[in-house]
Amino acid sequence: MTAHISTFLLLGAGGDLSSRLLMPALGQLLTKQPERRLQLVGAGREEFTPAAWRAVVKKSFATAGASGSAVDRVIAETTYHTANPADPADLARVLAECEGVPAVYLAVPPAVAALVCDALAEVGLPAGAQIALEKPFGVDEESAVALNARLAGFVPENQIHRVDHFLERSTVYNLLGLRFANRIFEPLWSSEHIERVDIVYDEQLGLEGRAGYYDRAGALVDMIQSHLLQVLAVLAMEPPSSLGAADLRDAKGIVLRATRLRNGNPARNSHRARYTAGVVDGHSVPSYVDEHGVRAENNTETLAEVTLEINTWRWAGVPFTLRSGKALAERRREIVITFKPVPYLPTGFGAQPGPTVLRILLVPDEISLELNLNGPGDPLTLDRVHLNAAFGPGQLLAYGEVLEGVLGGDPTLSVRGDSAEECWRIVAPVLAAWRTDAVPLGDYPAGTTGPADWKPVG
């Protein structure tokens, strides 16, 4: 039975992640669940007076429209402690201020998170405590294995939440409901009927002041390794017997263990590029290398694309292309499933406009099924039609879903340790090839769809 969480301890509480995403999500959660009793304790290197800290919390809560007795109580009772979260003595002092069993959220950079885990291993946590970490989990497979081993030394795996806000509860369940609650889709969900799968997350935003993290990570690690591989795992998993944590995480793990770079060839099946100066949605964007804090010699890519294969009976031969980039012409957040052409079109029909395509849009969650139907006029002419539908909206912000899992001790939608290691293993050949320039770094003007010589995706 999961221990009742009495305290939400936010390490790195003075940072942007806490004020912009975590605390608004907490405020929304408390608004919708006013019966929840919780102490909010913040800690970090920044200095706040009690009044100043309460003002920060109140302002963050207000951005999510948070209100009600639970919200007012947390604002009135919250405390803040100036401390170095990576120092065992400071950490022990802060933990002593927590009531009951805490959930500890590491809202700190990945390098600092590893040091905090070292300190937590020395200090220890109460039985039932939950711990949440932001991606990326390590910097490669070896470091992910080491970090997981360190975590396993002081907290059970089912109490560790490796956060992937990209796959919050509503998005995951929408994908699972589409596949497993409709007989029309699941029988076609295989290499027998599907030609290819593309998972695209293109952004119009540029660097937006994130050079400190992004210039060391790049698009491949920031989005594909951390997020899009998790989308692939949910999309390609075998039907689970339940929506419980063990069944869903096992099913995702099986997919990731079977996933490889297509043909093991990074030169042919990976691409990288970096944006130059341009105009995005009417706004001028400087060249990436001219952004504040960027080191041009890092050769950081802002657009990454990899094509993978899943070596299972269901998916053998189907290419899965994952793409993500910044400062692009349009915002695209979608899964594109392209079905194989019909084996024979009866003589007499006009040309087939194209294959059947299912598009699953992420944020907002919608689907569009592109079909060939007899158009108006000549009944032998086939036209393209789109059948559109929207999924039900989630009740909480993405991080609200995350916090509900952390505070409820439910790891269903967090990344299990073995899956975090597999994601690094999958991209390792690509990273190695890029470090030696075996794959050239292209460029594209901001506000375009990418390098002119790249084939369109999806």
Protein backbone atom coordinates (compact mmCIF):
# COMPACT_ATOMS: atom_id res chain seq x y z
CA MET A 1 0.00 0.00 0.00
CA THR A 2 1.37 3.44 -0.94
CA ALA A 3 2.26 5.66 2.01
CA HIS A 4 0.29 8.90 2.28
CA ILE A 5 2.38 11.82 1.03
CA SER A 6 2.21 14.71 3.48
CA THR A 7 4.90 17.01 2.06
CA PHE A 8 5.89 18.12 -1.41
CA LEU A 9 9.57 19.04 -1.18
CA LEU A 10 10.64 21.09 -4.18
CA LEU A 11 14.42 21.21 -4.64
CA GLY A 12 15.47 24.00 -6.98
CA ALA A 13 12.33 25.89 -5.97
CA GLY A 14 13.69 29.25 -7.10
CA GLY A 15 14.14 28.14 -10.71
CA ASP A 16 12.08 28.62 -13.83
CA LEU A 17 10.75 25.05 -13.93
CA SER A 18 9.27 25.43 -10.45
CA SER A 19 7.61 28.83 -10.92
CA ARG A 20 6.48 28.39 -14.53
CA LEU A 21 5.33 24.75 -14.59
CA LEU A 22 5.41 22.83 -11.32
CA MET A 23 3.75 25.25 -8.92
CA PRO A 24 0.96 26.25 -11.34
CA ALA A 25 0.28 22.54 -11.86
CA LEU A 26 0.23 21.99 -8.10
CA GLY A 27 -2.19 24.87 -7.70
CA GLN A 28 -4.52 23.44 -10.33
CA LEU A 29 -4.35 20.00 -8.69
CA LEU A 30 -5.25 21.48 -5.30
CA THR A 31 -8.11 23.43 -6.87
CA LYS A 32 -9.63 20.29 -8.36
CA GLN A 33 -8.87 18.17 -5.28
CA PRO A 34 -9.54 20.47 -2.31
CA GLU A 35 -9.60 17.52 0.07
CA ARG A 36 -5.88 16.96 -0.49
CA ARG A 37 -3.82 18.08 2.53
CA LEU A 38 -0.24 18.89 1.66
CA GLN A 39 2.69 20.88 2.97
CA LEU A 40 4.78 22.68 0.34
CA VAL A 41 8.45 23.07 1.23
CA GLY A 42 10.80 24.86 -1.15
CA ALA A 43 14.57 24.72 -1.06
CA GLY A 44 17.33 26.14 -3.23
CA ARG A 45 20.37 28.37 -3.40
CA GLU A 46 18.29 31.53 -3.87
CA GLU A 47 17.35 33.57 -0.81
CA PHE A 48 13.71 34.41 -0.04
CA THR A 49 12.09 35.93 3.00
CA PRO A 50 8.97 34.05 4.14
CA ALA A 51 6.78 36.79 2.65
CA ALA A 52 8.68 36.84 -0.63
CA TRP A 53 8.43 33.06 -0.97
CA ARG A 54 4.68 33.10 -0.31
CA ALA A 55 4.35 35.80 -2.98
CA VAL A 56 6.19 33.59 -5.48
CA VAL A 57 3.90 30.65 -4.72
CA LYS A 58 0.77 32.81 -4.88
CA LYS A 59 1.79 34.31 -8.22
CA SER A 60 2.56 30.90 -9.70
CA PHE A 61 -0.73 29.47 -8.49
CA ALA A 62 -2.59 32.43 -9.99
CA THR A 63 -1.27 31.67 -13.49
CA ALA A 64 -3.31 28.44 -13.40
CA GLY A 65 -6.39 30.11 -11.91
CA ALA A 66 -5.90 28.17 -8.67
CA SER A 67 -8.31 28.93 -5.85
CA GLY A 68 -10.08 27.36 -2.89
CA SER A 69 -9.40 26.34 0.68
CA ALA A 70 -6.59 23.89 -0.13
CA VAL A 71 -4.78 26.52 -2.21
CA ASP A 72 -5.14 29.17 0.49
CA ARG A 73 -3.90 26.78 3.16
CA VAL A 74 -0.79 25.79 1.20
CA ILE A 75 0.09 29.43 0.47
CA ALA A 76 -0.32 30.38 4.14
CA GLU A 77 1.72 27.45 5.47
CA THR A 78 4.46 27.03 2.84
CA THR A 79 8.08 27.40 3.92
CA TYR A 80 11.35 27.97 2.07
CA HIS A 81 14.92 27.09 3.06
CA THR A 82 18.08 28.47 1.50
CA ALA A 83 20.20 25.39 0.97
CA ASN A 84 22.49 23.56 -1.41
CA PRO A 85 20.42 20.48 -2.37
CA ALA A 86 23.61 18.59 -3.26
CA ASP A 87 25.07 19.06 0.23
CA PRO A 88 24.11 16.19 2.60
CA ALA A 89 24.07 18.42 5.68
CA ASP A 90 21.80 21.00 4.02
CA LEU A 91 19.58 18.27 2.63
CA ALA A 92 19.23 16.59 6.04
CA ARG A 93 18.26 19.95 7.55
CA VAL A 94 15.55 20.53 4.95
CA LEU A 95 14.18 16.98 5.17
CA ALA A 96 13.86 17.42 8.94
CA GLU A 97 11.39 20.24 8.28
CA CYS A 98 9.10 18.00 6.24
CA GLU A 99 5.98 16.59 7.83
CA GLY A 100 5.32 12.87 7.48
CA VAL A 101 6.30 11.14 4.24
CA PRO A 102 7.67 13.48 1.52
CA ALA A 103 7.62 13.47 -2.25
CA VAL A 104 10.94 14.99 -3.33
CA TYR A 105 11.00 16.71 -6.72
CA LEU A 106 14.43 17.47 -8.19
CA ALA A 107 13.69 20.61 -10.24
CA VAL A 108 17.40 21.05 -10.95
CA PRO A 109 19.67 20.55 -14.00
CA PRO A 110 20.61 16.93 -14.79
CA ALA A 111 24.20 17.31 -13.59
CA VAL A 112 22.99 18.70 -10.26
CA ALA A 113 20.33 15.97 -9.98
CA ALA A 114 23.07 13.31 -10.00
CA LEU A 115 24.80 15.10 -7.11
CA VAL A 116 21.51 15.43 -5.21
CA CYS A 117 20.98 11.69 -5.59
CA ASP A 118 24.43 11.14 -4.08
CA ALA A 119 23.43 13.33 -1.14
CA LEU A 120 20.08 11.56 -0.73
CA ALA A 121 21.86 8.21 -0.71
CA GLU A 122 23.94 9.46 2.22
CA VAL A 123 21.06 11.07 4.11
CA GLY A 124 18.33 8.53 3.34
CA LEU A 125 14.60 8.95 2.87
CA PRO A 126 11.65 7.83 5.00
CA ALA A 127 9.87 4.63 3.98
CA GLY A 128 7.32 5.33 1.26
CA ALA A 129 8.96 8.56 0.07
CA GLN A 130 8.65 9.33 -3.63
CA ILE A 131 11.39 10.93 -5.74
CA ALA A 132 10.93 12.65 -9.10
CA LEU A 133 13.65 13.57 -11.61
CA GLU A 134 13.52 15.55 -14.84
CA LYS A 135 14.99 14.28 -18.10
CA PRO A 136 17.53 13.55 -19.40
CA PHE A 137 18.40 10.66 -17.10
CA GLY A 138 22.18 10.62 -17.39
CA VAL A 139 24.16 11.69 -20.44
CA ASP A 140 24.61 8.23 -22.01
CA GLU A 141 23.79 4.59 -21.31
CA GLU A 142 26.68 4.12 -18.90
CA SER A 143 25.76 7.13 -16.76
CA ALA A 144 22.06 6.15 -16.81
CA VAL A 145 22.99 2.69 -15.49
CA ALA A 146 25.12 4.27 -12.76
CA LEU A 147 22.38 6.74 -11.78
CA ASN A 148 19.79 3.97 -11.62
CA ALA A 149 22.10 1.90 -9.44
CA ARG A 150 22.55 4.85 -7.08
CA LEU A 151 18.78 5.42 -6.87
CA ALA A 152 18.12 1.73 -6.25
CA GLY A 153 20.37 1.95 -3.20
CA PHE A 154 17.97 4.12 -1.23
CA VAL A 155 14.51 4.01 -2.85
CA PRO A 156 12.50 1.22 -4.56
CA GLU A 157 11.99 1.44 -8.33
CA ASN A 158 8.21 1.86 -8.02
CA GLN A 159 8.78 5.03 -5.95
CA ILE A 160 11.02 6.65 -8.58
CA HIS A 161 9.35 8.96 -11.09
CA ARG A 162 11.52 9.73 -14.12
CA VAL A 163 9.32 12.46 -15.47
CA ASP A 164 8.19 12.63 -19.06
CA HIS A 165 5.56 15.37 -19.10
CA PHE A 166 5.22 14.77 -22.84
CA LEU A 167 3.25 11.60 -22.10
CA GLU A 168 0.84 12.87 -19.50
CA ARG A 169 -2.12 10.72 -18.59
CA SER A 170 -4.66 11.95 -21.15
CA THR A 171 -2.31 11.59 -24.14
CA VAL A 172 -1.27 8.05 -23.23
CA TYR A 173 -4.80 6.91 -22.56
CA ASN A 174 -6.05 8.55 -25.75
CA LEU A 175 -3.53 6.50 -27.76
CA LEU A 176 -4.40 3.31 -25.90
CA GLY A 177 -8.13 3.89 -26.23
CA LEU A 178 -7.85 4.54 -29.97
CA ARG A 179 -5.93 1.32 -30.52
CA PHE A 180 -7.52 -1.12 -28.12
CA ALA A 181 -11.14 0.04 -27.90
CA ASN A 182 -11.72 -0.03 -31.68
CA ARG A 183 -11.58 -3.28 -33.58
CA ILE A 184 -11.13 -1.38 -36.84
CA PHE A 185 -7.57 -0.28 -35.91
CA GLU A 186 -5.80 -3.01 -33.96
CA PRO A 187 -6.08 -5.75 -36.63
CA LEU A 188 -4.36 -3.36 -39.08
CA TRP A 189 -1.65 -2.28 -36.61
CA SER A 190 1.29 -4.20 -38.10
CA SER A 191 3.75 -4.46 -40.97
CA GLU A 192 1.14 -6.34 -42.98
CA HIS A 193 -0.85 -3.15 -43.47
CA ILE A 194 1.37 -0.21 -42.39
CA GLU A 195 3.98 1.21 -44.76
CA ARG A 196 5.72 3.58 -42.35
CA VAL A 197 5.29 5.57 -39.15
CA ASP A 198 6.51 9.15 -38.63
CA ILE A 199 6.55 10.88 -35.25
CA VAL A 200 7.12 14.62 -35.68
CA TYR A 201 7.56 17.37 -33.10
CA ASP A 202 8.49 20.56 -34.95
CA GLU A 203 8.49 23.87 -33.10
CA GLN A 204 8.43 27.46 -34.30
CA LEU A 205 10.21 28.58 -31.13
CA GLY A 206 13.93 29.15 -31.25
CA LEU A 207 16.37 28.76 -28.38
CA GLU A 208 14.39 31.01 -26.03
CA GLY A 209 17.31 31.57 -23.63
CA ARG A 210 17.96 27.88 -22.95
CA ALA A 211 21.55 27.74 -24.18
CA GLY A 212 22.85 26.57 -20.81
CA TYR A 213 21.08 23.23 -21.26
CA TYR A 214 20.22 22.99 -24.94
CA ASP A 215 23.67 23.75 -26.36
CA ARG A 216 24.98 20.64 -24.59
CA ALA A 217 21.99 18.45 -25.44
CA GLY A 218 20.67 19.32 -28.90
CA ALA A 219 17.46 18.18 -30.55
CA LEU A 220 18.31 14.46 -30.52
CA VAL A 221 18.79 14.22 -26.75
CA ASP A 222 16.32 16.96 -25.79
CA MET A 223 13.35 15.53 -27.67
CA ILE A 224 13.95 12.24 -29.49
CA GLN A 225 15.89 10.34 -26.83
CA SER A 226 13.80 11.74 -24.00
CA HIS A 227 10.28 12.00 -25.40
CA LEU A 228 9.61 10.66 -28.88
CA LEU A 229 10.97 7.19 -28.10
CA GLN A 230 8.38 6.98 -25.33
CA VAL A 231 5.67 7.89 -27.85
CA LEU A 232 6.98 5.16 -30.15
CA ALA A 233 6.83 2.63 -27.31
CA VAL A 234 3.17 3.39 -26.53
CA LEU A 235 2.25 3.38 -30.20
CA ALA A 236 3.94 0.06 -30.96
CA MET A 237 3.34 -1.93 -27.76
CA GLU A 238 1.44 -5.20 -27.63
CA PRO A 239 -2.04 -5.05 -26.08
CA PRO A 240 -1.61 -5.01 -22.28
CA SER A 241 -4.00 -6.90 -20.04
CA SER A 242 -4.57 -3.82 -17.87
CA LEU A 243 -3.68 -0.15 -17.57
CA GLY A 244 -1.71 -0.84 -14.40
CA ALA A 245 1.87 0.32 -14.00
CA ALA A 246 3.43 -3.12 -14.29
CA ASP A 247 1.59 -4.06 -17.49
CA LEU A 248 2.09 -0.74 -19.30
CA ARG A 249 5.73 -0.39 -18.34
CA ASP A 250 6.47 -3.99 -19.27
CA ALA A 251 4.84 -3.51 -22.68
CA LYS A 252 6.84 -0.32 -23.33
CA GLY A 253 10.05 -2.00 -22.24
CA ILE A 254 9.56 -4.88 -24.68
CA VAL A 255 9.23 -2.44 -27.59
CA LEU A 256 12.28 -0.39 -26.62
CA ARG A 257 14.46 -3.48 -26.22
CA ALA A 258 13.55 -4.48 -29.79
CA THR A 259 14.22 -1.02 -31.27
CA ARG A 260 17.38 -0.30 -33.27
CA LEU A 261 18.72 2.27 -35.68
CA ARG A 262 17.51 1.07 -39.08
CA ASN A 263 20.10 -1.20 -40.67
CA GLY A 264 22.55 0.03 -38.03
CA ASN A 265 23.52 2.78 -40.46
CA PRO A 266 23.69 6.31 -38.97
CA ALA A 267 25.03 7.83 -42.21
CA ARG A 268 21.92 6.74 -44.08
CA ASN A 269 19.29 6.82 -41.34
CA SER A 270 20.08 9.93 -39.31
CA HIS A 271 20.21 13.61 -40.22
CA ARG A 272 21.08 16.77 -38.31
CA ALA A 273 20.96 20.47 -39.05
CA ARG A 274 21.14 23.88 -37.36
CA TYR A 275 19.10 26.98 -38.07
CA THR A 276 20.55 30.13 -39.53
CA ALA A 277 18.99 33.60 -39.42
CA GLY A 278 15.48 33.88 -40.76
CA VAL A 279 11.88 34.87 -40.06
CA VAL A 280 9.45 32.68 -38.12
CA ASP A 281 5.78 33.69 -38.09
CA GLY A 282 6.70 37.30 -38.83
CA HIS A 283 9.45 37.51 -36.19
CA SER A 284 13.15 37.76 -36.99
CA VAL A 285 15.24 34.95 -35.49
CA PRO A 286 19.04 35.19 -35.28
CA SER A 287 21.29 32.36 -36.40
CA TYR A 288 21.62 29.72 -33.71
CA VAL A 289 25.34 30.34 -33.36
CA ASP A 290 24.59 34.00 -32.61
CA GLU A 291 22.15 33.18 -29.79
CA HIS A 292 23.34 34.24 -26.33
CA GLY A 293 25.35 31.53 -24.59
CA VAL A 294 25.86 29.32 -27.66
CA ARG A 295 29.29 27.95 -28.48
CA ALA A 296 29.50 27.37 -32.22
CA GLU A 297 32.22 24.75 -31.82
CA ASN A 298 29.75 22.46 -30.02
CA ASN A 299 28.10 21.79 -33.40
CA THR A 300 24.76 21.49 -31.63
CA GLU A 301 21.92 20.45 -33.92
CA THR A 302 18.55 22.18 -33.68
CA LEU A 303 16.84 19.70 -36.04
CA ALA A 304 17.31 15.96 -35.71
CA GLU A 305 15.86 13.04 -37.59
CA VAL A 306 16.43 9.31 -37.09
CA THR A 307 14.84 6.27 -38.71
CA LEU A 308 14.49 3.21 -36.51
CA GLU A 309 13.27 -0.37 -36.83
CA ILE A 310 11.49 -2.57 -34.31
CA ASN A 311 12.64 -6.16 -34.59
CA THR A 312 9.44 -7.97 -33.68
CA TRP A 313 6.97 -10.10 -35.64
CA ARG A 314 4.46 -7.23 -35.66
CA TRP A 315 6.77 -4.48 -36.88
CA ALA A 316 9.61 -6.08 -38.86
CA GLY A 317 10.32 -4.00 -41.98
CA VAL A 318 8.39 -0.87 -40.96
CA PRO A 319 10.54 2.29 -40.75
CA PHE A 320 9.79 4.53 -37.78
CA THR A 321 11.12 8.05 -38.41
CA LEU A 322 11.38 10.40 -35.43
CA ARG A 323 11.96 14.09 -36.08
CA SER A 324 12.13 17.19 -33.93
CA GLY A 325 13.47 20.68 -34.43
CA LYS A 326 13.30 24.36 -33.56
CA ALA A 327 12.66 27.61 -35.49
CA LEU A 328 10.72 25.82 -38.24
CA ALA A 329 8.02 27.11 -40.55
CA GLU A 330 5.11 25.55 -38.72
CA ARG A 331 4.36 23.84 -35.46
CA ARG A 332 3.76 20.13 -36.07
CA ARG A 333 3.11 17.72 -33.23
CA GLU A 334 1.78 14.55 -34.74
CA ILE A 335 2.06 10.84 -35.32
CA VAL A 336 1.57 9.96 -39.00
CA ILE A 337 0.69 6.35 -39.80
CA THR A 338 0.80 5.68 -43.53
CA PHE A 339 -0.91 2.48 -44.65
CA LYS A 340 0.18 0.40 -47.62
CA PRO A 341 -1.58 0.98 -50.95
CA VAL A 342 -4.43 -1.34 -51.87
CA PRO A 343 -3.06 -4.45 -53.62
CA TYR A 344 -5.21 -3.82 -56.69
CA LEU A 345 -7.46 -0.99 -57.80
CA PRO A 346 -10.20 -2.21 -60.18
CA THR A 347 -9.77 -1.06 -63.74
CA GLY A 348 -12.08 1.86 -64.46
CA PHE A 349 -11.30 3.98 -61.42
CA GLY A 350 -9.18 7.03 -61.90
CA ALA A 351 -5.82 7.34 -60.21
CA GLN A 352 -5.68 6.71 -56.48
CA PRO A 353 -4.95 10.07 -54.77
CA GLY A 354 -2.72 8.43 -52.17
CA PRO A 355 -2.58 5.84 -49.40
CA THR A 356 -4.80 5.84 -46.34
CA VAL A 357 -3.19 7.98 -43.62
CA LEU A 358 -4.06 8.24 -39.94
CA ARG A 359 -2.79 11.39 -38.25
CA ILE A 360 -2.80 11.56 -34.46
CA LEU A 361 -2.23 15.15 -33.40
CA LEU A 362 -0.65 15.86 -30.01
CA VAL A 363 -1.56 18.97 -28.02
CA PRO A 364 -4.39 19.38 -28.75
CA ASP A 365 -5.17 15.69 -29.10
CA GLU A 366 -7.08 15.08 -32.32
CA ILE A 367 -7.18 12.49 -35.08
CA SER A 368 -7.62 12.81 -38.82
CA LEU A 369 -8.20 9.83 -41.09
CA GLU A 370 -7.39 10.53 -44.74
CA LEU A 371 -9.38 8.30 -47.11
CA ASN A 372 -10.06 7.95 -50.82
CA LEU A 373 -13.75 8.28 -51.66
CA ASN A 374 -15.77 8.77 -54.83
CA GLY A 375 -16.02 12.49 -55.29
CA PRO A 376 -18.82 14.65 -56.64
CA GLY A 377 -19.41 14.51 -60.38
CA ASP A 378 -17.78 11.53 -62.06
CA PRO A 379 -18.32 8.52 -59.69
CA LEU A 380 -15.17 6.88 -61.05
CA THR A 381 -12.98 9.75 -59.83
CA LEU A 382 -11.49 9.26 -56.38
CA ASP A 383 -11.07 12.30 -54.15
CA ARG A 384 -9.25 12.79 -50.87
CA VAL A 385 -11.41 13.29 -47.77
CA HIS A 386 -10.52 13.83 -44.13
CA LEU A 387 -12.52 12.43 -41.22
CA ASN A 388 -11.66 14.44 -38.11
CA ALA A 389 -12.38 13.93 -34.40
CA ALA A 390 -11.12 15.37 -31.14
CA PHE A 391 -10.18 13.43 -28.04
CA GLY A 392 -11.65 14.50 -24.74
CA PRO A 393 -9.43 17.13 -23.11
CA GLY A 394 -7.45 16.20 -20.02
CA GLN A 395 -8.61 17.59 -16.70
CA LEU A 396 -5.17 18.78 -15.66
CA LEU A 397 -2.14 20.49 -17.11
CA ALA A 398 0.61 18.12 -18.27
CA TYR A 399 2.58 18.69 -15.09
CA GLY A 400 -0.62 18.38 -13.08
CA GLU A 401 -0.89 14.81 -14.38
CA VAL A 402 2.76 14.30 -13.45
CA LEU A 403 2.28 15.59 -9.91
CA GLU A 404 -0.86 13.55 -9.40
CA GLY A 405 1.19 10.43 -10.14
CA VAL A 406 4.09 11.52 -7.91
CA LEU A 407 1.91 12.52 -4.96
CA GLY A 408 -0.26 9.42 -5.37
CA GLY A 409 2.70 7.06 -5.60
CA ASP A 410 1.59 5.92 -9.06
CA PRO A 411 4.54 5.37 -11.44
CA THR A 412 2.39 4.24 -14.39
CA LEU A 413 3.35 7.09 -16.70
CA SER A 414 6.89 7.64 -15.46
CA VAL A 415 9.88 6.14 -17.24
CA ARG A 416 11.15 2.92 -15.68
CA GLY A 417 14.89 2.60 -15.14
CA ASP A 418 15.48 -0.07 -17.78
CA SER A 419 13.56 1.98 -20.36
CA ALA A 420 15.71 5.05 -19.64
CA GLU A 421 18.81 2.95 -20.29
CA GLU A 422 17.35 1.49 -23.51
CA CYS A 423 16.61 4.96 -24.90
CA TRP A 424 20.27 5.89 -24.55
CA ARG A 425 21.31 2.59 -26.12
CA ILE A 426 19.06 3.24 -29.14
CA VAL A 427 20.55 6.66 -29.94
CA ALA A 428 24.16 5.78 -29.03
CA PRO A 429 25.24 4.88 -32.62
CA VAL A 430 23.83 8.16 -33.90
CA LEU A 431 25.54 10.25 -31.24
CA ALA A 432 28.83 8.47 -31.91
CA ALA A 433 28.58 9.11 -35.65
CA TRP A 434 27.69 12.77 -35.12
CA ARG A 435 30.66 13.31 -32.78
CA THR A 436 33.05 12.16 -35.51
CA ASP A 437 31.21 14.14 -38.23
CA ALA A 438 30.35 10.92 -40.06
CA VAL A 439 26.98 12.61 -40.56
CA PRO A 440 27.34 16.21 -41.80
CA LEU A 441 25.72 19.09 -39.93
CA GLY A 442 23.44 20.83 -42.40
CA ASP A 443 21.71 24.16 -42.02
CA TYR A 444 18.33 25.71 -42.75
CA PRO A 445 17.02 29.26 -42.55
CA ALA A 446 14.76 29.81 -39.56
CA GLY A 447 11.15 29.77 -40.71
CA THR A 448 11.61 27.03 -43.33
CA THR A 449 10.78 23.33 -43.19
CA GLY A 450 14.42 22.32 -42.86
CA PRO A 451 17.32 21.73 -45.26
CA ALA A 452 16.21 21.80 -48.89
CA ASP A 453 17.76 18.41 -49.65
CA TRP A 454 15.91 16.53 -46.88
CA LYS A 455 12.94 14.41 -47.89
CA PRO A 456 9.60 15.47 -46.36
CA VAL A 457 8.49 13.49 -43.30
CA GLY A 458 4.87 12.55 -42.74
